[in-house]
Amino acid sequence: MNPKTRRKLGKFGLNAAGIAVFLFAIFPVYWMITAAFKPNDQLNSTTFIPFPMPPTLEHVERAFTKGINGNSIWTYMMNSVIVSVSTIIIGAVFALLAATAVARFRFRFRTSFLILLLIVQMVPSEALLIPLFLNVRQMGLYNELLGLIVINVGLTLPFSVWMLRTFVAAVPKELEEASWIDGASRFTTFWRVLFPLVAPGLVATSIFSFITAWNEFVFALTLIEDSDKFTMPRALSFFVGQRSTDWGGIMAASTLMTIPVLIFFLLVQRRMVSGLVAGAVKG
């Protein structure tokens, strides 16, 4: 076998493996969307039905018109948006300031602090459920969205600081020193020089924070009591009963729940690519 044929076969194998991984990853999404438009008899059928025949809007209309547990689905969607967006904004501010301090300043126990970030990241969030619940209740934030926001910021902050530290360290310190020589203050240097170059990393960490806060269920189940303050993952549990499960309602609400995530990615993707190009530093 000549080298050219071997390269073609290798390329074909890689492409085939990539397509297989893509199909494996996209299958749950395909199943969720198709199940949202299948009639109940097709949902409960033991025969594989690839597409709804004919499709029905019964499950989607029930989620919109009747709502979930007496509340409009927009109530739960808005609660999730408030928690996720607040987690992104608050977490981004603290993560950027902490990452800049870790990357630019040399202080005692700096290495220990970085190792501690990794250790905290490895601890399962369920193991922190009871102490965090007690702390939230003592602060008077039980059954409040603010308490859920504080928890989500704490869960995403270690990873965000560790990731942003790499972006800040990659920016040459000479750029900041040059701006200081030109008379810029530290805040001006941070905002006009460092922040634009670190923006791609900030977008990447924001994506992680958004997904974590949007999909969080355990703390929303534990800390929120009133149904009108439930987030979307918590509201989906209403479709599961003791005797039966409304799979059509779950799939329809889950499909609606993915729409804000897709919109967020579409809005962020272009900014992330443009930030990577704009953040290039010439030597």
Protein backbone atom coordinates (compact mmCIF):
# COMPACT_ATOMS: atom_id res chain seq x y z
CA MET A 1 0.00 0.00 0.00
CA ASN A 2 1.51 3.29 -1.11
CA PRO A 3 1.71 6.28 1.27
CA LYS A 4 -0.95 8.24 -0.62
CA THR A 5 -3.52 5.45 -0.25
CA ARG A 6 -2.59 5.03 3.41
CA ARG A 7 -3.18 8.75 4.04
CA LYS A 8 -6.57 8.59 2.32
CA LEU A 9 -7.60 5.57 4.38
CA GLY A 10 -6.41 7.27 7.56
CA LYS A 11 -8.35 10.43 6.69
CA PHE A 12 -11.43 8.37 5.87
CA GLY A 13 -11.15 6.53 9.20
CA LEU A 14 -10.87 9.79 11.13
CA ASN A 15 -13.86 11.27 9.32
CA ALA A 16 -15.91 8.13 9.94
CA ALA A 17 -14.98 8.17 13.64
CA GLY A 18 -15.91 11.85 13.86
CA ILE A 19 -19.29 11.23 12.24
CA ALA A 20 -19.93 8.30 14.60
CA VAL A 21 -19.14 10.43 17.65
CA PHE A 22 -21.35 13.23 16.33
CA LEU A 23 -24.30 10.87 15.77
CA PHE A 24 -23.82 9.36 19.21
CA ALA A 25 -23.83 12.82 20.82
CA ILE A 26 -26.75 14.21 18.79
CA PHE A 27 -29.05 11.19 19.19
CA PRO A 28 -30.47 12.20 22.63
CA VAL A 29 -31.28 15.66 21.25
CA TYR A 30 -32.97 14.14 18.21
CA TRP A 31 -34.96 11.78 20.42
CA MET A 32 -36.04 14.61 22.73
CA ILE A 33 -37.28 16.84 19.88
CA THR A 34 -39.12 14.08 18.02
CA ALA A 35 -40.71 12.80 21.24
CA ALA A 36 -42.04 16.28 21.96
CA PHE A 37 -44.20 16.04 18.81
CA LYS A 38 -45.25 12.38 19.04
CA PRO A 39 -48.77 11.37 20.08
CA ASN A 40 -49.07 9.40 23.31
CA ASP A 41 -49.69 6.11 21.53
CA GLN A 42 -46.39 6.46 19.65
CA LEU A 43 -44.53 7.50 22.80
CA ASN A 44 -45.67 4.37 24.62
CA SER A 45 -45.16 2.09 21.63
CA THR A 46 -42.48 -0.62 21.77
CA THR A 47 -41.88 -0.20 18.03
CA PHE A 48 -39.13 2.22 16.99
CA ILE A 49 -40.74 5.22 15.28
CA PRO A 50 -38.03 7.56 13.95
CA PHE A 51 -40.38 10.50 13.28
CA PRO A 52 -43.82 11.44 14.62
CA MET A 53 -46.53 10.37 12.17
CA PRO A 54 -48.43 12.64 12.18
CA PRO A 55 -46.80 15.23 14.47
CA THR A 56 -48.85 16.77 17.25
CA LEU A 57 -48.56 20.03 19.16
CA GLU A 58 -50.52 18.70 22.13
CA HIS A 59 -47.55 18.52 24.50
CA VAL A 60 -46.17 21.93 23.52
CA GLU A 61 -49.58 23.58 23.78
CA ARG A 62 -50.12 22.02 27.22
CA ALA A 63 -46.79 23.41 28.43
CA PHE A 64 -47.68 26.89 27.11
CA THR A 65 -51.38 27.17 27.88
CA LYS A 66 -51.86 25.08 31.02
CA GLY A 67 -48.35 25.70 32.30
CA ILE A 68 -46.62 23.52 34.87
CA ASN A 69 -48.20 23.07 38.29
CA GLY A 70 -50.53 26.00 37.66
CA ASN A 71 -47.78 28.47 36.72
CA SER A 72 -46.85 29.66 33.26
CA ILE A 73 -43.76 28.08 31.75
CA TRP A 74 -42.45 31.62 31.23
CA THR A 75 -42.30 32.04 35.01
CA TYR A 76 -39.87 29.15 35.36
CA MET A 77 -37.97 30.22 32.25
CA MET A 78 -37.55 33.75 33.59
CA ASN A 79 -36.34 32.43 36.95
CA SER A 80 -33.71 30.34 35.18
CA VAL A 81 -32.65 33.34 33.08
CA ILE A 82 -32.32 35.53 36.19
CA VAL A 83 -30.24 32.93 38.03
CA SER A 84 -28.02 32.11 35.02
CA VAL A 85 -27.36 35.69 33.88
CA SER A 86 -26.68 36.86 37.43
CA THR A 87 -24.27 33.96 37.92
CA ILE A 88 -22.42 34.94 34.74
CA ILE A 89 -22.11 38.63 35.63
CA ILE A 90 -21.16 38.23 39.29
CA GLY A 91 -18.88 35.26 38.64
CA ALA A 92 -17.11 36.99 35.75
CA VAL A 93 -16.26 40.04 37.87
CA PHE A 94 -14.86 38.03 40.78
CA ALA A 95 -13.12 35.49 38.53
CA LEU A 96 -11.38 38.15 36.43
CA LEU A 97 -10.14 40.08 39.45
CA ALA A 98 -8.94 36.91 41.21
CA ALA A 99 -7.28 35.56 38.06
CA THR A 100 -5.47 38.86 37.50
CA ALA A 101 -4.21 38.87 41.09
CA VAL A 102 -3.00 35.27 40.86
CA ALA A 103 -1.31 35.74 37.49
CA ARG A 104 0.28 39.13 38.07
CA PHE A 105 1.19 39.24 41.78
CA ARG A 106 3.53 37.05 43.77
CA PHE A 107 2.22 36.48 47.26
CA ARG A 108 2.59 33.92 49.98
CA PHE A 109 0.72 30.61 49.56
CA ARG A 110 0.00 31.47 45.91
CA THR A 111 0.69 27.90 44.77
CA SER A 112 -1.36 26.52 47.65
CA PHE A 113 -4.26 28.71 46.58
CA LEU A 114 -4.11 27.35 43.03
CA ILE A 115 -3.99 23.76 44.28
CA LEU A 116 -6.93 24.51 46.57
CA LEU A 117 -8.94 25.65 43.55
CA LEU A 118 -8.41 22.26 41.93
CA ILE A 119 -9.30 20.41 45.11
CA VAL A 120 -12.52 22.38 45.52
CA GLN A 121 -13.39 21.65 41.90
CA MET A 122 -13.03 17.91 42.51
CA VAL A 123 -15.42 17.89 45.48
CA PRO A 124 -18.94 16.77 44.40
CA SER A 125 -21.51 19.49 44.87
CA GLU A 126 -23.80 17.00 46.63
CA ALA A 127 -21.21 16.67 49.41
CA LEU A 128 -21.58 20.40 50.09
CA LEU A 129 -25.37 20.34 50.09
CA ILE A 130 -25.98 20.24 53.86
CA PRO A 131 -23.40 22.88 54.94
CA LEU A 132 -24.41 25.22 52.12
CA PHE A 133 -28.07 24.76 53.01
CA LEU A 134 -27.35 25.72 56.63
CA ASN A 135 -25.32 28.76 55.54
CA VAL A 136 -27.99 29.96 53.13
CA ARG A 137 -30.68 29.60 55.80
CA GLN A 138 -28.59 31.51 58.35
CA MET A 139 -28.11 34.35 55.86
CA GLY A 140 -31.86 34.56 55.32
CA LEU A 141 -31.62 33.55 51.66
CA TYR A 142 -33.62 30.34 51.89
CA ASN A 143 -36.42 30.18 49.31
CA GLU A 144 -34.87 33.14 47.47
CA LEU A 145 -33.36 33.25 44.00
CA LEU A 146 -30.47 35.25 45.43
CA GLY A 147 -29.45 32.27 47.54
CA LEU A 148 -29.41 30.08 44.44
CA ILE A 149 -27.32 32.69 42.62
CA VAL A 150 -24.76 32.78 45.44
CA ILE A 151 -24.49 28.98 45.37
CA ASN A 152 -24.02 28.86 41.59
CA VAL A 153 -21.35 31.58 41.71
CA GLY A 154 -19.48 29.56 44.33
CA LEU A 155 -19.74 26.38 42.26
CA THR A 156 -18.42 27.95 39.05
CA LEU A 157 -15.84 30.34 40.53
CA PRO A 158 -12.91 27.89 41.05
CA PHE A 159 -12.94 26.70 37.43
CA SER A 160 -13.39 30.24 36.11
CA VAL A 161 -10.45 31.58 38.14
CA TRP A 162 -8.19 28.71 37.05
CA MET A 163 -9.09 29.10 33.39
CA LEU A 164 -8.87 32.90 33.30
CA ARG A 165 -5.50 32.77 35.04
CA THR A 166 -4.08 31.09 31.93
CA PHE A 167 -5.41 33.85 29.66
CA VAL A 168 -4.10 36.63 31.91
CA ALA A 169 -0.68 34.99 32.19
CA ALA A 170 -0.48 34.74 28.37
CA VAL A 171 -0.72 38.54 28.01
CA PRO A 172 2.80 40.06 28.01
CA LYS A 173 3.36 42.21 31.05
CA GLU A 174 5.33 44.63 28.87
CA LEU A 175 2.05 45.87 27.38
CA GLU A 176 0.86 47.00 30.81
CA GLU A 177 4.23 48.56 31.61
CA ALA A 178 4.15 50.47 28.32
CA SER A 179 0.73 51.90 29.15
CA TRP A 180 2.00 52.95 32.59
CA ILE A 181 4.89 54.78 30.95
CA ASP A 182 2.40 56.59 28.73
CA GLY A 183 0.65 57.84 31.86
CA ALA A 184 -2.27 55.42 32.10
CA SER A 185 -3.55 54.49 35.54
CA ARG A 186 -3.83 50.89 36.72
CA PHE A 187 -7.56 50.88 36.14
CA THR A 188 -7.17 52.30 32.61
CA THR A 189 -4.52 49.68 31.86
CA PHE A 190 -6.76 46.95 33.18
CA TRP A 191 -9.79 48.13 31.20
CA ARG A 192 -8.14 49.27 27.94
CA VAL A 193 -5.23 46.80 27.64
CA LEU A 194 -5.76 43.65 29.68
CA PHE A 195 -9.52 43.23 29.46
CA PRO A 196 -9.79 43.14 25.61
CA LEU A 197 -7.07 40.50 25.43
CA VAL A 198 -8.65 38.36 28.14
CA ALA A 199 -12.17 38.70 26.71
CA PRO A 200 -12.07 35.35 24.82
CA GLY A 201 -11.30 33.51 28.05
CA LEU A 202 -14.06 35.44 29.81
CA VAL A 203 -16.52 34.33 27.15
CA ALA A 204 -15.40 30.70 27.51
CA THR A 205 -15.85 30.75 31.28
CA SER A 206 -19.21 32.49 30.87
CA ILE A 207 -20.39 29.58 28.71
CA PHE A 208 -19.39 27.14 31.44
CA SER A 209 -21.08 29.24 34.12
CA PHE A 210 -24.26 29.60 32.08
CA ILE A 211 -24.59 25.86 31.41
CA THR A 212 -23.88 25.00 35.05
CA ALA A 213 -26.42 27.49 36.42
CA TRP A 214 -29.03 26.71 33.76
CA ASN A 215 -28.96 22.93 34.36
CA GLU A 216 -28.53 23.00 38.16
CA PHE A 217 -31.19 20.91 39.88
CA VAL A 218 -30.05 19.66 43.31
CA PHE A 219 -29.70 23.05 45.01
CA ALA A 220 -32.84 24.37 43.27
CA LEU A 221 -34.70 21.39 44.72
CA THR A 222 -33.30 21.98 48.21
CA LEU A 223 -33.24 25.76 48.57
CA ILE A 224 -36.43 26.83 46.79
CA GLU A 225 -39.82 26.04 48.30
CA ASP A 226 -42.36 28.26 46.51
CA SER A 227 -43.37 26.91 43.11
CA ASP A 228 -43.41 30.38 41.52
CA LYS A 229 -39.65 30.63 42.20
CA PHE A 230 -38.71 27.27 40.66
CA THR A 231 -36.22 27.15 37.82
CA MET A 232 -36.85 25.06 34.69
CA PRO A 233 -34.95 21.92 35.83
CA ARG A 234 -36.91 21.95 39.10
CA ALA A 235 -40.22 22.51 37.30
CA LEU A 236 -39.67 19.47 35.06
CA SER A 237 -40.05 17.20 38.09
CA PHE A 238 -43.79 17.99 38.12
CA PHE A 239 -44.21 15.76 35.08
CA VAL A 240 -43.05 12.73 37.11
CA GLY A 241 -45.77 11.22 39.29
CA GLN A 242 -46.04 8.23 41.59
CA ARG A 243 -47.99 6.13 39.10
CA SER A 244 -47.05 7.56 35.72
CA THR A 245 -44.72 9.92 33.89
CA ASP A 246 -45.80 12.47 31.31
CA TRP A 247 -43.00 11.83 28.83
CA GLY A 248 -44.56 14.06 26.20
CA GLY A 249 -44.69 17.00 28.61
CA ILE A 250 -41.12 16.38 29.77
CA MET A 251 -39.79 16.27 26.20
CA ALA A 252 -41.76 19.35 25.14
CA ALA A 253 -40.63 21.40 28.15
CA SER A 254 -37.05 20.15 27.75
CA THR A 255 -37.07 21.19 24.08
CA LEU A 256 -38.30 24.65 25.07
CA MET A 257 -35.63 24.73 27.76
CA THR A 258 -32.84 24.27 25.20
CA ILE A 259 -33.90 27.27 23.09
CA PRO A 260 -32.35 29.95 25.39
CA VAL A 261 -29.12 27.92 25.47
CA LEU A 262 -28.97 27.88 21.67
CA ILE A 263 -29.69 31.62 21.54
CA PHE A 264 -26.92 32.26 24.08
CA PHE A 265 -24.42 30.26 22.02
CA LEU A 266 -25.39 32.06 18.81
CA LEU A 267 -24.89 35.43 20.49
CA VAL A 268 -21.58 34.47 22.10
CA GLN A 269 -20.00 32.52 19.24
CA ARG A 270 -19.23 35.48 17.00
CA ARG A 271 -17.92 37.54 19.91
CA MET A 272 -15.70 34.69 20.97
CA VAL A 273 -14.18 34.27 17.49
CA SER A 274 -13.73 38.03 17.02
CA GLY A 275 -12.18 38.25 20.47
CA LEU A 276 -9.67 35.55 19.62
CA VAL A 277 -8.61 37.43 16.49
CA ALA A 278 -8.57 40.83 18.19
CA GLY A 279 -6.62 39.41 21.12
CA ALA A 280 -3.67 38.36 19.01
CA VAL A 281 -0.43 39.97 20.17
CA LYS A 282 2.33 40.73 17.69
CA GLY A 283 5.83 40.10 18.81
